[in-house]
Amino acid sequence: MTGETNRFVVEKKKTPQKSDAKTRVTNFNEIYADFKPVQATEQASRCAQCGVPFCQHGCPLQNNIPDWLRLTAEGRVEEAYLLSSQTSTLPEICGRICPQDRLCEGSCVLEQSGWENITIGAVERYINDQAFENGWIQPIEPEVERSQSIGIIGSGPAGIAAADRLRTLGYKVTIYDRYDRPGGLLVYGIPGFKLEKQVVARRTDRLAASGVEFVLNTDIGNDVTFEELQAKHDAVLIATGVYKARALSVPGCGSKGVVPALEYLITANKKGFGDAVPEFDSGRLDARGKTVVVIGGGDTAMDCVRTATRQGAKSVSCVYRRDRANMPGSDREVSNAEEEGVRFEWLAGPKAVLGDAEKVTGLKIQRMRLTTPDAQGRQGIEEIHGAENDLPADLIIEALGFEPENLPVMFNTPGLETTRWGTLRVMAGEFQTTVPGVFAAGDIVRGASLVVWAVREGQDAAADIHHYLKTQLLTAANDGEAQLAGVAE
């Protein structure tokens, strides 16, 4: 069997073992187990090795998926890892948290032709976990050490990806982050049941061992000025992500019982590290024994409802204004949440928060319906007149999405131009901002998006920075030659 592909006609699709819902809600461990070697080989052997690999086109990183599936089927796992690492700096992380059902696996030719898709994400995770376990992943040793340095603001996926590529090229790299641990949203935004924290720590520890410096608990604009960063480094990359939460705007939304999703998730993750968090210890951001309502339909909302079940909430409901087919989050995450006892209120929007300034007692919701699709096929929503009802709630969590912070003001750098959405403006087809030598990548450029896109843009921004610094050196060398020629004349 080993070495064959196109076995989808005899090998059925199998996903990694998933822990039982009753068991998994008692802890924050990852719910999916790793493939065993035989399982990974069998599932990789199902690949049809398409001449036009739609899975690769469906991946923002353009991963060479059929090639490393073939290598895995042949038992050449180390080669599969080497090929995987050529296009992705965080493959075992993307293998865990990417919405593969909407990306590579959803684009799989087998899926489109009536056969079940290849379990690409699980195999990707297996390959790269094996690489760590077998010591194939070592600290970066650049072929050439360069004198130039780059400062990166933000240690999330875009910042980590860029640091990996830039250090490989031999640059000195310093990452600045406002939090006390590196990893950004990978550490504080995503719960452990999707991504255990030691998985992220392996990557950041490797960067530190490779010579990347982490400067933590540092708020740029307050603790260190942006001008100081520009003076210290030959180039600066802004990879802050977007952290400003969109808030409810209904009567009663100012109650202390209404909390932002990210504040809730950061608190939960800090407690997972064993930190003392007054807002949790006081009960405000602890769902234990409470009737919880989460508003939103994205993956952040799913993270919140599933965290609340693990904290021992009395009941958990999710309110979303569209139906399940039109929700932005992963269908896999919705299924996991349903298994864990979460109730979904589809086609429902918040109308008013019930209670008072100190605590909430419920959420009044307005029932909605989808309208006729427009020219692009997108259905709108409209209220159903008179169709309202109240949901009881002790804690309401806003998971309505995120917007960029006002970085030009925060950094006191008005030369940083923004788009009408508040994201940083970059040159067409590039990652350099309107300030020379300052680059940006990830959500702060795209708006709130997927981790895999942040990784892609971090890597691409690193290539742009490398080109920029090489050009700067070449220009300086040419200027020096011109000056010497003038002296000689």
Protein backbone atom coordinates (compact mmCIF):
# COMPACT_ATOMS: atom_id res chain seq x y z
CA MET A 1 0.00 0.00 0.00
CA THR A 2 2.78 2.44 0.88
CA GLY A 3 3.76 4.55 -2.09
CA GLU A 4 0.47 4.30 -3.95
CA THR A 5 -1.88 7.20 -4.61
CA ASN A 6 -5.36 7.44 -6.19
CA ARG A 7 -6.62 5.06 -3.51
CA PHE A 8 -9.75 7.09 -2.88
CA VAL A 9 -11.75 4.30 -4.55
CA VAL A 10 -10.76 1.81 -1.83
CA GLU A 11 -9.74 3.96 1.14
CA LYS A 12 -12.55 5.83 2.84
CA LYS A 13 -12.04 9.28 4.27
CA LYS A 14 -11.15 9.18 7.94
CA THR A 15 -10.55 12.15 10.18
CA PRO A 16 -8.35 12.10 13.29
CA GLN A 17 -9.99 10.76 16.42
CA LYS A 18 -12.05 13.40 18.19
CA SER A 19 -12.59 13.29 21.92
CA ASP A 20 -16.15 12.74 23.16
CA ALA A 21 -18.12 15.94 23.73
CA LYS A 22 -18.90 15.14 27.36
CA THR A 23 -15.22 14.61 28.05
CA ARG A 24 -13.77 17.49 26.07
CA VAL A 25 -15.94 20.19 27.66
CA THR A 26 -14.21 19.42 30.97
CA ASN A 27 -10.84 20.73 29.74
CA PHE A 28 -9.14 23.03 27.23
CA ASN A 29 -7.06 20.36 25.49
CA GLU A 30 -7.13 20.07 21.69
CA ILE A 31 -10.09 17.91 20.73
CA TYR A 32 -8.45 16.22 17.72
CA ALA A 33 -5.69 13.65 18.10
CA ASP A 34 -2.74 13.36 15.73
CA PHE A 35 -2.85 10.80 12.96
CA LYS A 36 -0.86 7.65 13.57
CA PRO A 37 1.75 7.01 10.84
CA VAL A 38 -0.39 4.31 9.18
CA GLN A 39 -3.45 6.57 9.22
CA ALA A 40 -1.53 9.48 7.69
CA THR A 41 -0.12 7.23 4.97
CA GLU A 42 -3.54 5.79 4.15
CA GLN A 43 -5.29 9.15 4.02
CA ALA A 44 -2.52 10.77 1.96
CA SER A 45 -2.71 7.84 -0.48
CA ARG A 46 -6.32 8.83 -1.32
CA CYS A 47 -5.03 11.88 -3.24
CA ALA A 48 -5.86 11.74 -6.95
CA GLN A 49 -2.69 13.71 -7.89
CA CYS A 50 -4.74 16.01 -10.11
CA GLY A 51 -3.08 17.65 -13.08
CA VAL A 52 -4.70 20.92 -11.99
CA PRO A 53 -4.63 20.84 -8.17
CA PHE A 54 -7.58 22.94 -7.06
CA CYS A 55 -6.58 22.30 -3.43
CA GLN A 56 -3.39 24.28 -4.03
CA HIS A 57 -5.31 27.12 -5.66
CA GLY A 58 -7.73 27.11 -2.73
CA CYS A 59 -4.87 27.63 -0.28
CA PRO A 60 -3.80 31.25 0.33
CA LEU A 61 -0.21 30.01 0.76
CA GLN A 62 -0.34 28.02 -2.49
CA ASN A 63 1.05 25.03 -0.60
CA ASN A 64 2.36 22.18 -2.75
CA ILE A 65 -0.33 19.92 -1.34
CA PRO A 66 -0.41 17.03 -3.86
CA ASP A 67 3.38 16.73 -3.71
CA TRP A 68 3.65 16.44 0.07
CA LEU A 69 0.63 14.13 0.14
CA ARG A 70 2.43 11.85 -2.32
CA LEU A 71 5.61 11.94 -0.24
CA THR A 72 3.62 11.09 2.88
CA ALA A 73 1.92 8.20 1.08
CA GLU A 74 5.39 6.95 0.18
CA GLY A 75 6.55 7.18 3.79
CA ARG A 76 8.98 10.01 3.00
CA VAL A 77 7.76 12.23 5.80
CA GLU A 78 10.92 14.28 6.28
CA GLU A 79 10.90 15.22 2.60
CA ALA A 80 7.22 16.07 2.93
CA TYR A 81 8.08 18.39 5.82
CA LEU A 82 10.86 20.09 3.84
CA LEU A 83 8.48 20.70 0.95
CA SER A 84 5.75 21.95 3.29
CA SER A 85 8.13 24.42 4.96
CA GLN A 86 9.06 25.99 1.63
CA THR A 87 5.69 27.70 1.36
CA SER A 88 4.57 27.99 4.99
CA THR A 89 6.33 29.10 8.15
CA LEU A 90 3.51 27.87 10.42
CA PRO A 91 2.19 24.69 8.75
CA GLU A 92 1.33 22.71 11.90
CA ILE A 93 -0.62 25.74 13.17
CA CYS A 94 -2.52 26.24 9.91
CA GLY A 95 -3.18 22.49 9.87
CA ARG A 96 -4.99 22.93 13.19
CA ILE A 97 -6.94 26.16 12.79
CA CYS A 98 -7.45 26.85 9.08
CA PRO A 99 -11.05 26.47 7.89
CA GLN A 100 -9.99 23.75 5.46
CA ASP A 101 -13.63 23.05 4.65
CA ARG A 102 -13.74 26.47 2.95
CA LEU A 103 -10.22 26.43 1.51
CA CYS A 104 -8.07 23.47 0.37
CA GLU A 105 -10.40 20.64 1.34
CA GLY A 106 -13.45 22.48 0.05
CA SER A 107 -11.65 22.90 -3.30
CA CYS A 108 -10.52 19.26 -3.49
CA VAL A 109 -11.47 17.68 -6.83
CA LEU A 110 -12.70 14.55 -5.06
CA GLU A 111 -15.05 16.69 -2.96
CA GLN A 112 -16.35 18.42 -6.07
CA SER A 113 -16.85 15.17 -7.99
CA GLY A 114 -18.86 13.32 -5.37
CA TRP A 115 -16.09 11.55 -3.48
CA GLU A 116 -15.06 12.72 -0.03
CA ASN A 117 -12.16 15.16 0.15
CA ILE A 118 -8.64 14.40 1.35
CA THR A 119 -8.07 15.29 5.02
CA ILE A 120 -5.37 17.78 4.02
CA GLY A 121 -5.23 19.76 7.26
CA ALA A 122 -4.77 16.67 9.42
CA VAL A 123 -1.96 15.35 7.22
CA GLU A 124 -0.27 18.78 7.25
CA ARG A 125 -0.43 18.79 11.04
CA TYR A 126 0.96 15.24 11.20
CA ILE A 127 3.91 15.98 8.89
CA ASN A 128 5.09 19.00 10.84
CA ASP A 129 4.43 17.59 14.31
CA GLN A 130 6.63 14.69 13.21
CA ALA A 131 9.27 17.20 12.15
CA PHE A 132 9.40 18.66 15.66
CA GLU A 133 9.31 15.28 17.38
CA ASN A 134 12.15 13.93 15.23
CA GLY A 135 14.35 17.01 15.55
CA TRP A 136 14.16 17.93 11.86
CA ILE A 137 13.25 21.50 12.82
CA GLN A 138 16.30 23.26 14.22
CA PRO A 139 17.15 26.94 14.93
CA ILE A 140 17.72 29.01 11.81
CA GLU A 141 21.35 29.31 10.70
CA PRO A 142 21.54 31.94 7.93
CA GLU A 143 24.04 31.37 5.15
CA VAL A 144 24.98 35.07 5.37
CA GLU A 145 24.79 37.41 8.36
CA ARG A 146 23.72 40.92 7.38
CA SER A 147 24.34 44.12 9.31
CA GLN A 148 20.86 45.53 8.71
CA SER A 149 18.06 45.09 11.24
CA ILE A 150 14.29 45.01 11.06
CA GLY A 151 11.85 45.92 13.82
CA ILE A 152 8.52 44.09 13.75
CA ILE A 153 5.53 45.40 15.69
CA GLY A 154 3.35 42.46 16.66
CA SER A 155 4.22 38.83 17.37
CA GLY A 156 1.13 37.29 15.85
CA PRO A 157 1.12 35.08 12.74
CA ALA A 158 2.17 37.83 10.29
CA GLY A 159 5.00 38.99 12.55
CA ILE A 160 6.25 35.46 13.25
CA ALA A 161 6.12 34.51 9.57
CA ALA A 162 8.04 37.62 8.53
CA ALA A 163 10.63 37.13 11.29
CA ASP A 164 11.25 33.54 10.18
CA ARG A 165 11.88 34.55 6.57
CA LEU A 166 13.96 37.63 7.43
CA ARG A 167 16.16 35.77 9.90
CA THR A 168 16.69 33.03 7.30
CA LEU A 169 17.97 35.77 4.99
CA GLY A 170 20.44 36.81 7.69
CA TYR A 171 18.85 40.01 8.99
CA LYS A 172 18.83 41.01 12.65
CA VAL A 173 15.21 40.91 13.78
CA THR A 174 13.52 42.39 16.85
CA ILE A 175 9.83 41.76 17.56
CA TYR A 176 7.92 44.18 19.80
CA ASP A 177 4.63 43.16 21.41
CA ARG A 178 2.28 44.77 23.92
CA TYR A 179 1.56 41.47 25.66
CA ASP A 180 3.70 39.49 28.08
CA ARG A 181 4.00 36.41 25.85
CA PRO A 182 4.80 36.18 22.15
CA GLY A 183 2.24 34.77 19.75
CA GLY A 184 -0.44 37.46 19.51
CA LEU A 185 -3.89 36.10 18.81
CA LEU A 186 -2.44 32.58 18.46
CA VAL A 187 -1.76 32.67 22.20
CA TYR A 188 -4.40 34.99 23.60
CA GLY A 189 -7.19 34.98 21.00
CA ILE A 190 -7.54 31.30 20.07
CA PRO A 191 -8.56 28.84 22.79
CA GLY A 192 -6.43 25.83 23.67
CA PHE A 193 -9.04 23.32 22.47
CA LYS A 194 -8.22 24.48 18.93
CA LEU A 195 -4.54 25.32 19.40
CA GLU A 196 -2.61 24.27 22.49
CA LYS A 197 -0.14 26.93 23.55
CA GLN A 198 2.98 24.77 23.48
CA VAL A 199 2.43 24.41 19.72
CA VAL A 200 2.89 28.17 19.34
CA ALA A 201 5.72 28.26 21.88
CA ARG A 202 7.71 25.78 19.79
CA ARG A 203 7.79 28.32 16.96
CA THR A 204 8.55 31.40 19.04
CA ASP A 205 11.19 29.49 21.05
CA ARG A 206 12.82 28.48 17.76
CA LEU A 207 12.92 32.10 16.63
CA ALA A 208 14.49 33.13 19.94
CA ALA A 209 17.08 30.36 19.59
CA SER A 210 17.74 31.64 16.06
CA GLY A 211 18.69 35.09 17.33
CA VAL A 212 15.35 36.89 17.02
CA GLU A 213 14.91 39.26 19.96
CA PHE A 214 11.49 39.60 21.61
CA VAL A 215 10.72 42.84 23.44
CA LEU A 216 7.49 42.18 25.34
CA ASN A 217 5.16 44.32 27.47
CA THR A 218 6.01 47.16 25.12
CA ASP A 219 3.34 49.45 23.74
CA ILE A 220 4.62 51.33 20.71
CA GLY A 221 3.65 54.96 20.96
CA ASN A 222 3.81 54.93 24.75
CA ASP A 223 6.73 52.83 26.02
CA VAL A 224 8.73 53.32 22.83
CA THR A 225 8.07 55.96 20.19
CA PHE A 226 7.69 55.03 16.57
CA GLU A 227 10.48 57.46 15.70
CA GLU A 228 12.82 55.56 18.02
CA LEU A 229 12.00 52.35 16.16
CA GLN A 230 12.69 54.00 12.81
CA ALA A 231 16.01 55.32 14.08
CA LYS A 232 17.04 51.95 15.50
CA HIS A 233 16.12 49.77 12.53
CA ASP A 234 16.74 49.85 8.79
CA ALA A 235 13.11 48.88 8.17
CA VAL A 236 9.98 48.47 10.26
CA LEU A 237 7.11 46.04 9.71
CA ILE A 238 3.73 46.78 11.29
CA ALA A 239 1.92 43.50 11.96
CA THR A 240 -0.37 44.50 14.82
CA GLY A 241 -3.54 42.84 13.63
CA VAL A 242 -6.90 44.46 14.37
CA TYR A 243 -8.05 44.53 17.98
CA LYS A 244 -10.71 47.22 18.20
CA ALA A 245 -13.98 45.38 18.80
CA ARG A 246 -17.19 46.32 17.02
CA ALA A 247 -19.71 47.06 19.74
CA LEU A 248 -23.45 46.66 20.06
CA SER A 249 -25.52 49.78 19.48
CA VAL A 250 -28.85 48.79 20.99
CA PRO A 251 -30.57 50.04 24.15
CA GLY A 252 -28.88 48.71 27.28
CA CYS A 253 -25.62 47.79 25.52
CA GLY A 254 -23.56 49.76 28.06
CA SER A 255 -24.32 47.34 30.89
CA LYS A 256 -21.36 45.76 32.70
CA GLY A 257 -22.89 42.40 31.80
CA VAL A 258 -22.02 42.98 28.13
CA VAL A 259 -18.38 42.15 27.38
CA PRO A 260 -16.23 42.16 24.20
CA ALA A 261 -15.24 38.76 22.80
CA LEU A 262 -11.50 39.39 22.76
CA GLU A 263 -11.45 40.61 26.36
CA TYR A 264 -13.30 37.45 27.34
CA LEU A 265 -10.98 35.15 25.36
CA ILE A 266 -7.77 36.83 26.51
CA THR A 267 -8.90 36.45 30.10
CA ALA A 268 -9.71 32.76 29.60
CA ASN A 269 -6.35 32.10 27.98
CA LYS A 270 -4.48 33.93 30.73
CA LYS A 271 -6.24 31.76 33.31
CA GLY A 272 -5.10 28.77 31.29
CA PHE A 273 -1.53 29.91 31.87
CA GLY A 274 -2.24 30.16 35.59
CA ASP A 275 -2.15 33.96 35.66
CA ALA A 276 -4.07 35.98 38.22
CA VAL A 277 -6.78 37.88 36.36
CA PRO A 278 -8.94 40.08 38.62
CA GLU A 279 -11.76 40.39 36.07
CA PHE A 280 -12.07 36.60 35.98
CA ASP A 281 -11.60 36.05 39.70
CA SER A 282 -14.32 38.60 40.41
CA GLY A 283 -16.69 36.56 38.23
CA ARG A 284 -17.28 39.24 35.61
CA LEU A 285 -15.50 37.34 32.83
CA ASP A 286 -16.16 33.85 34.16
CA ALA A 287 -19.12 32.01 32.61
CA ARG A 288 -19.41 29.43 35.38
CA GLY A 289 -23.04 28.91 36.39
CA LYS A 290 -24.25 31.64 34.04
CA THR A 291 -26.72 31.78 31.18
CA VAL A 292 -24.52 33.01 28.35
CA VAL A 293 -25.56 34.58 25.05
CA VAL A 294 -22.95 35.22 22.35
CA ILE A 295 -23.82 37.55 19.48
CA GLY A 296 -22.09 36.82 16.16
CA GLY A 297 -21.57 34.10 13.58
CA GLY A 298 -17.82 34.00 12.94
CA ASP A 299 -15.08 31.80 14.34
CA THR A 300 -14.55 34.22 17.24
CA ALA A 301 -18.16 33.65 18.28
CA MET A 302 -17.56 29.89 18.11
CA ASP A 303 -14.47 30.30 20.29
CA CYS A 304 -16.56 32.17 22.84
CA VAL A 305 -19.47 29.73 23.02
CA ARG A 306 -17.11 26.75 23.29
CA THR A 307 -15.03 28.48 25.97
CA ALA A 308 -18.18 29.21 27.97
CA THR A 309 -19.22 25.55 27.94
CA ARG A 310 -15.79 24.60 29.33
CA GLN A 311 -16.05 27.21 32.07
CA GLY A 312 -19.20 25.51 33.28
CA ALA A 313 -21.91 27.83 31.96
CA LYS A 314 -25.46 26.90 32.85
CA SER A 315 -26.46 27.28 29.19
CA VAL A 316 -24.93 28.83 26.08
CA SER A 317 -26.75 30.33 23.10
CA CYS A 318 -25.44 31.96 19.92
CA VAL A 319 -27.47 34.64 18.16
CA TYR A 320 -26.78 35.28 14.47
CA ARG A 321 -28.76 37.43 12.05
CA ARG A 322 -28.44 35.09 9.05
CA ASP A 323 -28.94 31.35 8.64
CA ARG A 324 -26.35 28.62 9.00
CA ALA A 325 -25.63 28.44 5.28
CA ASN A 326 -24.71 32.15 5.22
CA MET A 327 -22.63 32.36 8.37
CA PRO A 328 -18.98 33.46 8.00
CA GLY A 329 -17.53 30.95 10.44
CA SER A 330 -16.42 27.37 9.83
CA ASP A 331 -19.22 24.81 9.62
CA ARG A 332 -16.92 22.36 11.42
CA GLU A 333 -16.75 24.71 14.41
CA VAL A 334 -20.54 25.06 14.46
CA SER A 335 -20.88 21.27 14.47
CA ASN A 336 -18.39 21.00 17.35
CA ALA A 337 -20.30 23.65 19.29
CA GLU A 338 -23.62 21.87 18.73
CA GLU A 339 -22.11 18.61 19.98
CA GLU A 340 -21.01 20.47 23.11
CA GLY A 341 -24.54 21.65 23.85
CA VAL A 342 -24.58 25.15 22.36
CA ARG A 343 -27.97 26.34 21.10
CA PHE A 344 -28.10 28.46 17.94
CA GLU A 345 -30.64 31.17 17.30
CA TRP A 346 -30.44 31.60 13.54
CA LEU A 347 -32.02 34.56 11.72
CA ALA A 348 -32.09 36.60 14.91
CA GLY A 349 -30.63 40.00 15.65
CA PRO A 350 -30.14 41.84 18.96
CA LYS A 351 -32.90 44.36 19.68
CA ALA A 352 -32.14 45.43 23.26
CA VAL A 353 -30.16 44.34 26.30
CA LEU A 354 -32.41 43.72 29.28
CA GLY A 355 -31.35 44.54 32.84
CA ASP A 356 -29.58 47.55 34.27
CA ALA A 357 -26.17 49.22 34.25
CA GLU A 358 -24.66 46.67 36.63
CA LYS A 359 -26.02 43.41 35.28
CA VAL A 360 -28.03 41.95 32.44
CA THR A 361 -31.07 39.73 32.67
CA GLY A 362 -31.60 38.93 29.02
CA LEU A 363 -31.44 39.89 25.36
CA LYS A 364 -34.44 40.92 23.30
CA ILE A 365 -34.01 39.50 19.80
CA GLN A 366 -35.68 40.40 16.52
CA ARG A 367 -36.50 37.56 14.15
CA MET A 368 -35.24 38.05 10.61
CA ARG A 369 -35.70 36.54 7.17
CA LEU A 370 -33.52 36.39 4.09
CA THR A 371 -34.45 38.48 1.07
CA THR A 372 -34.29 37.64 -2.62
CA PRO A 373 -30.67 37.34 -3.82
CA ASP A 374 -29.17 40.38 -5.52
CA ALA A 375 -27.25 40.37 -8.82
CA GLN A 376 -24.21 38.90 -7.05
CA GLY A 377 -26.31 36.17 -5.43
CA ARG A 378 -26.02 37.72 -1.96
CA GLN A 379 -29.17 37.59 0.16
CA GLY A 380 -29.98 40.49 2.39
CA ILE A 381 -31.94 40.33 5.63
CA GLU A 382 -35.06 42.09 6.83
CA GLU A 383 -36.98 42.13 10.07
CA ILE A 384 -40.16 40.13 10.50
CA HIS A 385 -42.59 42.68 11.90
CA GLY A 386 -43.83 41.77 15.37
CA ALA A 387 -41.56 38.74 15.70
CA GLU A 388 -39.57 39.41 18.85
CA ASN A 389 -38.76 37.39 21.92
CA ASP A 390 -36.51 37.52 24.97
CA LEU A 391 -33.59 35.25 25.76
CA PRO A 392 -32.53 35.02 29.41
CA ALA A 393 -28.88 35.94 29.98
CA ASP A 394 -26.46 36.66 32.84
CA LEU A 395 -23.56 37.33 30.46
CA ILE A 396 -23.70 38.69 26.91
CA ILE A 397 -20.59 38.48 24.75
CA GLU A 398 -20.17 40.70 21.69
CA ALA A 399 -18.45 38.82 18.84
CA LEU A 400 -19.32 41.21 16.05
CA GLY A 401 -15.89 41.46 14.46
CA PHE A 402 -12.90 43.74 14.75
CA GLU A 403 -11.70 47.02 13.31
CA PRO A 404 -8.22 48.61 13.13
CA GLU A 405 -6.98 50.87 15.88
CA ASN A 406 -6.03 54.39 14.80
CA LEU A 407 -2.34 53.67 14.31
CA PRO A 408 -1.34 57.06 12.82
CA VAL A 409 -2.53 58.65 16.08
CA MET A 410 -1.28 55.88 18.38
CA PHE A 411 2.17 55.99 16.75
CA ASN A 412 2.08 59.78 16.34
CA THR A 413 2.99 59.23 12.69
CA PRO A 414 0.49 61.13 10.53
CA GLY A 415 2.41 60.11 7.41
CA LEU A 416 0.90 56.63 7.76
CA GLU A 417 -2.11 56.84 5.49
CA THR A 418 -5.18 54.69 6.03
CA THR A 419 -7.99 53.45 3.83
CA ARG A 420 -11.62 54.34 4.39
CA TRP A 421 -11.86 51.16 6.48
CA GLY A 422 -9.07 52.35 8.78
CA THR A 423 -6.54 49.77 7.59
CA LEU A 424 -3.05 50.89 6.65
CA ARG A 425 -2.60 51.91 3.05
CA VAL A 426 0.22 50.14 1.20
CA MET A 427 1.60 50.61 -2.30
CA ALA A 428 -0.20 48.70 -5.04
CA GLY A 429 1.18 45.18 -5.24
CA GLU A 430 3.57 45.84 -2.36
CA PHE A 431 3.64 45.98 1.43
CA GLN A 432 5.44 49.31 1.88
CA THR A 433 3.26 51.97 3.46
CA THR A 434 3.23 55.65 2.61
CA VAL A 435 6.21 56.11 4.94
CA PRO A 436 9.49 55.02 3.29
CA GLY A 437 11.04 52.01 4.97
CA VAL A 438 7.86 51.18 6.88
CA PHE A 439 5.90 48.10 5.81
CA ALA A 440 2.66 46.51 6.94
CA ALA A 441 1.10 43.06 6.62
CA GLY A 442 -1.72 40.91 7.91
CA ASP A 443 -5.06 42.08 9.27
CA ILE A 444 -3.87 45.67 9.68
CA VAL A 445 -3.78 45.76 5.87
CA ARG A 446 -6.50 43.25 4.92
CA GLY A 447 -8.91 43.86 7.75
CA ALA A 448 -9.96 41.01 10.05
CA SER A 449 -9.18 37.81 8.19
CA LEU A 450 -7.73 34.31 8.52
CA VAL A 451 -4.46 33.30 10.15
CA VAL A 452 -3.34 31.67 6.91
CA TRP A 453 -3.64 35.01 5.10
CA ALA A 454 -1.59 36.69 7.83
CA VAL A 455 1.12 34.05 7.35
CA ARG A 456 1.08 34.58 3.59
CA GLU A 457 1.34 38.34 3.88
CA GLY A 458 4.04 38.18 6.55
CA GLN A 459 6.15 36.03 4.23
CA ASP A 460 5.49 38.27 1.24
CA ALA A 461 6.26 41.40 3.26
CA ALA A 462 9.59 39.87 4.27
CA ALA A 463 10.43 39.45 0.58
CA ASP A 464 9.48 43.10 -0.04
CA ILE A 465 11.68 44.27 2.85
CA HIS A 466 14.59 42.21 1.53
CA HIS A 467 14.22 43.79 -1.91
CA TYR A 468 13.96 47.27 -0.39
CA LEU A 469 17.11 46.86 1.73
CA LYS A 470 19.10 45.40 -1.16
CA THR A 471 18.04 48.37 -3.26
CA GLN A 472 19.07 50.76 -0.50
CA LEU A 473 22.52 49.17 -0.29
CA LEU A 474 22.93 49.25 -4.06
CA THR A 475 21.91 52.91 -4.18
CA ALA A 476 24.34 53.78 -1.38
CA ALA A 477 27.14 51.91 -3.17
CA ASN A 478 26.44 53.73 -6.42
CA ASP A 479 26.38 57.10 -4.64
CA GLY A 480 29.72 56.27 -3.03
CA GLU A 481 31.26 55.40 -6.36
CA ALA A 482 29.95 58.64 -7.87
CA GLN A 483 31.48 60.65 -5.03
CA LEU A 484 34.83 58.91 -5.45
CA ALA A 485 34.71 59.61 -9.18
CA GLY A 486 34.05 63.27 -8.46
CA VAL A 487 37.02 63.45 -6.12
CA ALA A 488 39.25 61.78 -8.71
CA GLU A 489 38.21 64.30 -11.33
